[in-house]
Amino acid sequence: MATNYYYQVDEFVTTFGKDPGKNKPFSHTEFFRHNDLHEARKCAFEYYKQRLNGFEKNGGYFLPFASPENFVEGKNSNYSITLYLVEVGETVGEIFHPIAGEDTDEVRESLELEKMVLNLYK
């Protein structure tokens, strides 16, 4: 089996159960598998941007969102959204390479890998 790739967007929103309704976290994963990896990337980025803008526009999840440095448990909710290039190999299973929504150094490394992979699929 050859190595295959696809894109995935993971989103997670929570109040840590500290809102008045003690609401549970929400998580969702959207997969972007396409015969054309470039098209899959385009669709994944469009979805990622749409969801990120929605979180920012909505401003909260039962409680208002706050940046990590301003977060107060019980007064704020938290969200994360990450776009991955997923590498699927016969011996290693799935390896998730974050290309948006994570630590800058990790994203930079993943984007370098993605560039090499996309060049193979021209």
Protein backbone atom coordinates (compact mmCIF):
# COMPACT_ATOMS: atom_id res chain seq x y z
CA MET A 1 0.00 0.00 0.00
CA ALA A 2 1.33 3.41 -0.96
CA THR A 3 1.21 6.41 1.32
CA ASN A 4 -2.00 8.39 0.89
CA TYR A 5 -3.00 11.85 2.06
CA TYR A 6 -6.17 13.71 2.86
CA TYR A 7 -7.19 16.79 4.85
CA GLN A 8 -9.15 16.97 8.06
CA VAL A 9 -10.58 19.82 10.16
CA ASP A 10 -11.13 19.19 13.87
CA GLU A 11 -13.12 21.61 15.98
CA PHE A 12 -13.77 21.59 19.70
CA VAL A 13 -15.80 24.00 21.83
CA THR A 14 -16.33 23.86 25.59
CA THR A 15 -17.29 25.75 28.72
CA PHE A 16 -15.62 23.01 30.78
CA GLY A 17 -19.11 22.41 32.22
CA LYS A 18 -18.99 25.74 34.07
CA ASP A 19 -21.82 27.52 32.24
CA PRO A 20 -25.22 27.80 33.98
CA GLY A 21 -26.65 24.90 31.92
CA LYS A 22 -23.58 22.68 32.46
CA ASN A 23 -23.49 22.07 28.71
CA LYS A 24 -21.27 19.36 27.32
CA PRO A 25 -18.41 20.09 24.93
CA PHE A 26 -19.05 20.01 21.21
CA SER A 27 -16.60 18.42 18.81
CA HIS A 28 -16.75 17.75 15.10
CA THR A 29 -14.40 16.37 12.46
CA GLU A 30 -14.82 17.07 8.76
CA PHE A 31 -12.86 14.99 6.23
CA PHE A 32 -11.68 16.17 2.81
CA ARG A 33 -10.81 13.21 0.64
CA HIS A 34 -10.62 13.90 -3.06
CA ASN A 35 -8.90 12.30 -6.04
CA ASP A 36 -7.17 15.66 -6.54
CA LEU A 37 -5.22 16.52 -3.37
CA HIS A 38 -5.01 20.17 -4.46
CA GLU A 39 -8.82 20.32 -4.64
CA ALA A 40 -9.09 18.63 -1.24
CA ARG A 41 -6.75 21.30 0.18
CA LYS A 42 -8.81 24.11 -1.33
CA CYS A 43 -12.06 22.72 0.10
CA ALA A 44 -10.49 22.08 3.51
CA PHE A 45 -9.12 25.63 3.78
CA GLU A 46 -12.44 27.14 2.72
CA TYR A 47 -14.23 25.11 5.39
CA TYR A 48 -11.59 25.95 8.02
CA LYS A 49 -11.89 29.69 7.32
CA GLN A 50 -15.70 29.53 7.34
CA ARG A 51 -15.80 27.74 10.70
CA LEU A 52 -13.14 30.01 12.24
CA ASN A 53 -15.01 33.11 11.10
CA GLY A 54 -18.21 31.66 12.53
CA PHE A 55 -16.63 31.14 15.94
CA GLU A 56 -15.20 34.65 15.93
CA LYS A 57 -18.46 36.21 14.72
CA ASN A 58 -20.61 34.25 17.20
CA GLY A 59 -18.30 35.24 20.04
CA GLY A 60 -19.12 32.39 22.38
CA TYR A 61 -20.57 29.02 23.25
CA PHE A 62 -23.05 29.55 26.11
CA LEU A 63 -20.37 31.87 27.56
CA PRO A 64 -18.22 34.43 25.70
CA PHE A 65 -14.92 33.32 24.19
CA ALA A 66 -11.69 34.71 25.64
CA SER A 67 -8.06 34.51 24.66
CA PRO A 68 -5.95 32.10 26.73
CA GLU A 69 -4.38 34.93 28.70
CA ASN A 70 -7.81 36.44 29.53
CA PHE A 71 -9.67 33.18 30.09
CA VAL A 72 -11.58 32.85 33.40
CA GLU A 73 -13.12 29.47 34.15
CA GLY A 74 -16.85 29.80 34.66
CA LYS A 75 -16.99 33.10 32.78
CA ASN A 76 -15.64 32.10 29.38
CA SER A 77 -15.81 29.31 26.84
CA ASN A 78 -12.97 28.03 24.72
CA TYR A 79 -12.63 26.75 21.16
CA SER A 80 -9.97 25.23 18.99
CA ILE A 81 -10.03 24.50 15.30
CA THR A 82 -7.18 22.76 13.52
CA LEU A 83 -6.59 21.89 9.88
CA TYR A 84 -4.47 18.80 9.27
CA LEU A 85 -2.79 17.15 6.35
CA VAL A 86 -3.23 13.49 7.27
CA GLU A 87 -0.66 10.99 6.08
CA VAL A 88 -1.83 7.38 5.90
CA GLY A 89 0.81 4.69 5.58
CA GLU A 90 0.73 0.93 5.74
CA THR A 91 3.08 0.58 8.70
CA VAL A 92 2.51 3.83 10.61
CA GLY A 93 -1.25 4.32 10.40
CA GLU A 94 -2.38 7.95 10.37
CA ILE A 95 0.01 10.81 11.08
CA PHE A 96 -1.57 14.24 11.62
CA HIS A 97 0.39 17.25 10.34
CA PRO A 98 -1.24 20.52 11.51
CA ILE A 99 -1.14 23.18 8.81
CA ALA A 100 -3.37 25.75 10.53
CA GLY A 101 -4.58 26.40 14.06
CA GLU A 102 -1.62 25.09 16.07
CA ASP A 103 1.82 26.14 17.30
CA THR A 104 3.74 28.15 14.69
CA ASP A 105 6.82 25.90 14.64
CA GLU A 106 4.75 22.75 14.22
CA VAL A 107 2.67 24.36 11.46
CA ARG A 108 5.83 25.54 9.69
CA GLU A 109 7.24 22.00 9.63
CA SER A 110 3.93 20.59 8.41
CA LEU A 111 3.67 23.19 5.65
CA GLU A 112 7.14 22.21 4.41
CA LEU A 113 6.05 18.58 4.24
CA GLU A 114 2.79 19.56 2.55
CA LYS A 115 4.68 21.49 -0.12
CA MET A 116 6.76 18.41 -0.95
CA VAL A 117 3.66 16.19 -1.03
CA LEU A 118 1.68 18.58 -3.25
CA ASN A 119 4.61 18.71 -5.68
CA LEU A 120 4.30 14.94 -6.05
CA TYR A 121 0.64 15.34 -6.99
CA LYS A 122 1.04 17.92 -9.76
